Amino acid sequence: MIRVAIAGVAGRMGQTLVEAVRALEPEMQLTAASVLADDNSLGSDIGIVALGQALGVTAVADLSAVVNDFDMLIDFTSPKASLGHLQLCREHGKALVLGTTGFNAGERAEIKTATDLAIVFAPNMSVGVNLCFDLLAKAAAVLGDDADIEITEAHHRFKKDAPSGTAVKMGEVIAETLGRNLDDVAVYGREGVGYARDSNTIGFTTIRGGDIVGDHTVMFAALGERVEITHKATSRMTFARGAVRAARWLAGKPAGVYSMMDVLGLVD
């Protein structure tokens, strides 16, 4: 049995993760969870918060208080909180499934040095999105420099980081395939009158509105034709199921920083 803790259990994603983990009992058991220190659900049974039925697990503000109650942490919170949780897991030898987005380059580099624990780190835990990463590398390799590349993403009004971590990862996959540095070629939005499009650039467009769960489209536009690769998420459960799949795969793995591509067997 895998004893699992969920960080940020009062949030939309946290509640969905509770449902996903519960679906795998007794193989996986939810044994600890955290909320913000000022959240109304602090000290409450997380089952009541997320499912409307008691689970016998009390929400705490600091996971260090219950660190002996879990073997693996699933975290979809915020960069600051997640980096604290990363340190906690390193100190106590806990595995970590990290789906938080919004990290800057230095923070991502810090996470990738955590080779002393078993961690799956991915900007998107969706199985379909990670399949798209593989398809994007193939498309970039075939279309090469003949196509102009534009990435469009849309999310709900509450998402704080832009562009999304998934969109950035898509750009990184394409840039690496083409031998480019994304920091050098990324263009985040356009306006006004200027020069014609630089064919080496990778454009990003961000949309925020309503309750859009997550839409991503990459366009390879050549002269006379274009190829579009699109993923649309209609429920947060797709990310939760992917995280649970990652947790099951990670159990018993040696220390190392893994990706969802590793989980899905898409790494050569």
Protein backbone atom coordinates (compact mmCIF):
# COMPACT_ATOMS: atom_id res chain seq x y z
CA MET A 1 0.00 0.00 0.00
CA ILE A 2 1.24 3.51 -0.88
CA ARG A 3 0.58 6.04 1.87
CA VAL A 4 -0.09 9.36 0.14
CA ALA A 5 -0.26 12.97 1.32
CA ILE A 6 -1.86 15.72 -0.76
CA ALA A 7 -0.77 19.36 -0.44
CA GLY A 8 -3.36 22.10 -0.87
CA VAL A 9 -6.28 19.75 -0.41
CA ALA A 10 -8.87 22.55 -0.12
CA GLY A 11 -8.15 23.84 -3.63
CA ARG A 12 -9.90 22.77 -6.83
CA MET A 13 -7.06 20.47 -7.86
CA GLY A 14 -6.50 19.21 -4.34
CA GLN A 15 -10.11 18.10 -4.01
CA THR A 16 -9.93 16.34 -7.37
CA LEU A 17 -6.77 14.52 -6.25
CA VAL A 18 -8.59 13.26 -3.15
CA GLU A 19 -11.22 11.70 -5.39
CA ALA A 20 -8.60 10.15 -7.68
CA VAL A 21 -6.58 8.65 -4.82
CA ARG A 22 -9.68 7.32 -3.13
CA ALA A 23 -10.60 5.43 -6.30
CA LEU A 24 -7.45 3.29 -5.91
CA GLU A 25 -7.91 2.10 -2.33
CA PRO A 26 -6.61 -0.21 -0.91
CA GLU A 27 -3.60 -0.04 -3.27
CA MET A 28 -3.15 3.62 -2.39
CA GLN A 29 -4.35 5.26 0.81
CA LEU A 30 -4.70 8.94 1.61
CA THR A 31 -3.13 9.40 5.04
CA ALA A 32 -2.21 13.11 5.29
CA ALA A 33 -3.13 16.46 3.76
CA SER A 34 -2.41 20.15 4.12
CA VAL A 35 -4.25 23.44 3.61
CA LEU A 36 -3.21 27.07 3.98
CA ALA A 37 -2.85 28.25 7.57
CA ASP A 38 -5.76 30.68 7.17
CA ASP A 39 -8.08 28.25 5.36
CA ASN A 40 -11.46 27.60 6.97
CA SER A 41 -10.96 23.85 6.54
CA LEU A 42 -7.84 23.73 8.75
CA GLY A 43 -8.40 21.01 11.36
CA SER A 44 -11.32 19.54 9.43
CA ASP A 45 -11.66 16.04 8.01
CA ILE A 46 -10.44 16.36 4.43
CA GLY A 47 -13.05 13.88 3.28
CA ILE A 48 -15.78 16.30 4.32
CA VAL A 49 -13.97 19.12 2.50
CA ALA A 50 -13.45 17.24 -0.77
CA LEU A 51 -16.07 14.49 -0.93
CA GLY A 52 -18.70 15.26 1.67
CA GLN A 53 -17.85 12.12 3.63
CA ALA A 54 -15.38 11.59 6.47
CA LEU A 55 -12.06 9.87 5.75
CA GLY A 56 -10.46 10.18 9.17
CA VAL A 57 -7.65 12.44 7.93
CA THR A 58 -7.33 15.92 9.41
CA ALA A 59 -6.09 18.88 7.37
CA VAL A 60 -2.92 20.46 8.79
CA ALA A 61 -1.11 23.67 7.89
CA ASP A 62 2.38 22.16 8.01
CA LEU A 63 3.11 18.71 6.57
CA SER A 64 6.17 18.38 8.79
CA ALA A 65 3.75 17.74 11.66
CA VAL A 66 2.53 14.55 9.95
CA VAL A 67 5.66 13.58 8.02
CA ASN A 68 5.68 10.08 9.53
CA ASP A 69 2.16 9.42 8.24
CA PHE A 70 2.96 9.30 4.51
CA ASP A 71 5.47 7.84 2.05
CA MET A 72 4.71 10.00 -0.98
CA LEU A 73 3.50 13.56 -1.49
CA ILE A 74 1.42 14.83 -4.42
CA ASP A 75 1.78 18.59 -4.78
CA PHE A 76 -0.07 20.95 -7.16
CA THR A 77 0.17 24.11 -5.04
CA SER A 78 2.41 27.16 -5.62
CA PRO A 79 6.13 27.54 -6.37
CA LYS A 80 6.99 28.85 -2.90
CA ALA A 81 5.03 26.14 -1.09
CA SER A 82 6.28 23.39 -3.39
CA LEU A 83 9.94 24.31 -2.87
CA GLY A 84 9.35 24.04 0.88
CA HIS A 85 7.71 20.66 0.38
CA LEU A 86 10.63 19.57 -1.81
CA GLN A 87 13.03 20.33 1.03
CA LEU A 88 10.80 18.45 3.49
CA CYS A 89 10.77 15.39 1.24
CA ARG A 90 14.55 15.52 0.83
CA GLU A 91 15.09 15.73 4.58
CA HIS A 92 12.78 12.80 5.35
CA GLY A 93 13.22 10.55 2.31
CA LYS A 94 9.71 10.94 0.93
CA ALA A 95 8.86 10.44 -2.75
CA LEU A 96 7.28 13.41 -4.54
CA VAL A 97 4.91 13.85 -7.47
CA LEU A 98 5.19 17.55 -8.37
CA GLY A 99 2.72 19.12 -10.78
CA THR A 100 2.99 22.74 -9.66
CA THR A 101 3.58 25.31 -12.43
CA GLY A 102 4.90 28.86 -12.42
CA PHE A 103 8.49 28.09 -11.41
CA ASN A 104 11.18 30.38 -12.78
CA ALA A 105 14.28 29.01 -14.47
CA GLY A 106 16.32 29.01 -11.26
CA GLU A 107 13.61 27.19 -9.33
CA ARG A 108 13.25 24.55 -12.06
CA ALA A 109 17.01 24.04 -11.96
CA GLU A 110 16.86 23.63 -8.18
CA ILE A 111 14.20 20.93 -8.50
CA LYS A 112 16.24 19.07 -11.07
CA THR A 113 19.15 18.83 -8.63
CA ALA A 114 16.99 16.85 -6.16
CA THR A 115 18.47 13.55 -7.29
CA ASP A 116 18.59 12.28 -3.72
CA LEU A 117 14.90 11.42 -3.72
CA ALA A 118 12.45 9.85 -6.17
CA ILE A 119 10.47 12.62 -7.84
CA VAL A 120 8.24 12.92 -10.88
CA PHE A 121 8.31 16.57 -11.96
CA ALA A 122 6.10 17.62 -14.87
CA PRO A 123 4.32 20.85 -15.86
CA ASN A 124 1.34 18.76 -16.92
CA MET A 125 0.38 15.30 -15.64
CA SER A 126 -2.14 14.63 -18.40
CA VAL A 127 -1.37 11.49 -20.39
CA GLY A 128 -2.62 13.16 -23.57
CA VAL A 129 -0.46 16.27 -23.13
CA ASN A 130 2.66 14.18 -22.63
CA LEU A 131 1.82 12.23 -25.77
CA CYS A 132 1.61 15.62 -27.50
CA PHE A 133 5.15 16.45 -26.34
CA ASP A 134 6.33 13.35 -28.18
CA LEU A 135 4.33 14.28 -31.29
CA LEU A 136 5.64 17.85 -31.22
CA ALA A 137 9.24 16.64 -31.28
CA LYS A 138 8.46 14.47 -34.29
CA ALA A 139 6.63 17.30 -36.09
CA ALA A 140 9.45 19.76 -35.44
CA ALA A 141 12.03 17.28 -36.72
CA VAL A 142 10.08 16.68 -39.94
CA LEU A 143 8.96 20.25 -40.66
CA GLY A 144 12.25 21.76 -39.51
CA ASP A 145 12.84 25.39 -40.42
CA ASP A 146 10.16 25.44 -43.13
CA ALA A 147 7.33 26.26 -40.72
CA ASP A 148 6.54 29.22 -38.50
CA ILE A 149 5.63 27.97 -35.02
CA GLU A 150 2.93 29.50 -32.82
CA ILE A 151 1.67 28.19 -29.46
CA THR A 152 -1.74 29.23 -28.15
CA GLU A 153 -3.01 28.30 -24.68
CA ALA A 154 -6.21 29.07 -22.77
CA HIS A 155 -7.02 28.58 -19.08
CA HIS A 156 -9.53 29.67 -16.46
CA ARG A 157 -9.56 33.18 -15.03
CA PHE A 158 -7.95 32.07 -11.74
CA LYS A 159 -4.67 30.80 -13.23
CA LYS A 160 -1.84 33.06 -12.08
CA ASP A 161 1.08 32.12 -14.32
CA ALA A 162 1.31 32.91 -18.03
CA PRO A 163 2.11 31.39 -20.37
CA SER A 164 1.24 28.06 -18.83
CA GLY A 165 3.97 25.67 -17.80
CA THR A 166 2.63 23.27 -20.43
CA ALA A 167 2.95 25.86 -23.20
CA VAL A 168 6.51 26.65 -22.12
CA LYS A 169 7.37 22.94 -22.09
CA MET A 170 5.92 22.60 -25.59
CA GLY A 171 8.17 25.44 -26.70
CA GLU A 172 11.18 23.84 -25.03
CA VAL A 173 10.55 20.49 -26.74
CA ILE A 174 10.31 22.17 -30.14
CA ALA A 175 13.28 24.47 -29.60
CA GLU A 176 15.50 21.62 -28.42
CA THR A 177 14.54 19.54 -31.45
CA LEU A 178 15.44 22.44 -33.76
CA GLY A 179 18.69 23.25 -31.96
CA ARG A 180 17.41 26.58 -30.67
CA ASN A 181 17.41 28.15 -27.20
CA LEU A 182 13.83 29.01 -26.24
CA ASP A 183 14.93 32.02 -24.20
CA ASP A 184 16.46 33.48 -27.38
CA VAL A 185 13.58 32.80 -29.78
CA ALA A 186 10.38 33.06 -27.71
CA VAL A 187 7.99 35.93 -28.51
CA TYR A 188 5.27 36.47 -25.91
CA GLY A 189 2.52 38.38 -27.70
CA ARG A 190 2.68 40.94 -30.51
CA GLU A 191 1.27 44.39 -31.11
CA GLY A 192 1.96 47.50 -33.15
CA VAL A 193 3.78 47.92 -36.43
CA GLY A 194 7.21 46.39 -36.74
CA TYR A 195 9.31 44.07 -38.77
CA ALA A 196 8.09 40.95 -40.55
CA ARG A 197 8.04 37.75 -38.53
CA ASP A 198 11.44 36.19 -37.81
CA SER A 199 11.13 32.59 -39.01
CA ASN A 200 13.28 31.33 -36.13
CA THR A 201 10.97 32.63 -33.42
CA ILE A 202 8.39 30.62 -31.49
CA GLY A 203 5.31 32.68 -30.67
CA PHE A 204 3.12 32.38 -27.58
CA THR A 205 -0.45 33.59 -27.13
CA THR A 206 -2.18 33.42 -23.74
CA ILE A 207 -5.93 33.48 -23.05
CA ARG A 208 -7.47 33.66 -19.57
CA GLY A 209 -11.21 33.44 -19.03
CA GLY A 210 -14.14 31.70 -17.40
CA ASP A 211 -13.65 28.11 -16.29
CA ILE A 212 -11.50 26.80 -19.17
CA VAL A 213 -9.64 23.82 -17.75
CA GLY A 214 -6.80 23.89 -20.28
CA ASP A 215 -6.48 24.15 -24.06
CA HIS A 216 -3.18 24.06 -25.97
CA THR A 217 -2.59 24.29 -29.72
CA VAL A 218 0.73 24.34 -31.55
CA MET A 219 0.61 25.50 -35.17
CA PHE A 220 3.34 24.69 -37.66
CA ALA A 221 2.49 27.10 -40.50
CA ALA A 222 4.38 26.65 -43.75
CA LEU A 223 3.72 28.20 -47.15
CA GLY A 224 0.75 26.32 -48.59
CA GLU A 225 -0.07 24.14 -45.58
CA ARG A 226 -0.12 24.00 -41.82
CA VAL A 227 -0.15 21.30 -39.17
CA GLU A 228 -1.87 21.84 -35.82
CA ILE A 229 -1.47 19.66 -32.74
CA THR A 230 -4.13 20.35 -30.11
CA HIS A 231 -4.96 19.08 -26.65
CA LYS A 232 -8.12 20.09 -24.77
CA ALA A 233 -8.70 19.16 -21.14
CA THR A 234 -12.35 19.16 -20.10
CA SER A 235 -11.87 18.08 -16.48
CA ARG A 236 -9.19 18.45 -13.81
CA MET A 237 -9.60 14.73 -13.27
CA THR A 238 -7.36 14.12 -16.28
CA PHE A 239 -4.47 15.75 -14.38
CA ALA A 240 -5.38 13.96 -11.15
CA ARG A 241 -5.46 10.56 -12.85
CA GLY A 242 -2.10 11.29 -14.45
CA ALA A 243 -0.66 12.23 -11.05
CA VAL A 244 -1.98 9.03 -9.49
CA ARG A 245 -0.54 7.04 -12.38
CA ALA A 246 2.80 8.76 -11.74
CA ALA A 247 2.57 7.94 -8.03
CA ARG A 248 1.94 4.26 -8.72
CA TRP A 249 4.87 4.17 -11.17
CA LEU A 250 7.19 6.03 -8.78
CA ALA A 251 6.60 3.71 -5.82
CA GLY A 252 9.77 1.69 -5.25
CA LYS A 253 11.80 3.52 -7.91
CA PRO A 254 15.37 4.54 -7.08
CA ALA A 255 16.16 8.17 -6.34
CA GLY A 256 16.14 10.42 -9.38
CA VAL A 257 14.25 13.20 -11.13
CA TYR A 258 11.76 11.66 -13.55
CA SER A 259 9.21 13.12 -15.96
CA MET A 260 5.81 11.97 -17.15
CA MET A 261 7.59 10.88 -20.32
CA ASP A 262 9.42 8.35 -18.14
CA VAL A 263 6.15 7.29 -16.52
CA LEU A 264 4.55 6.67 -19.92
CA GLY A 265 7.57 4.96 -21.46
CA LEU A 266 8.03 7.69 -24.09
CA VAL A 267 11.71 8.25 -23.33
CA ASP A 268 14.13 6.56 -25.71
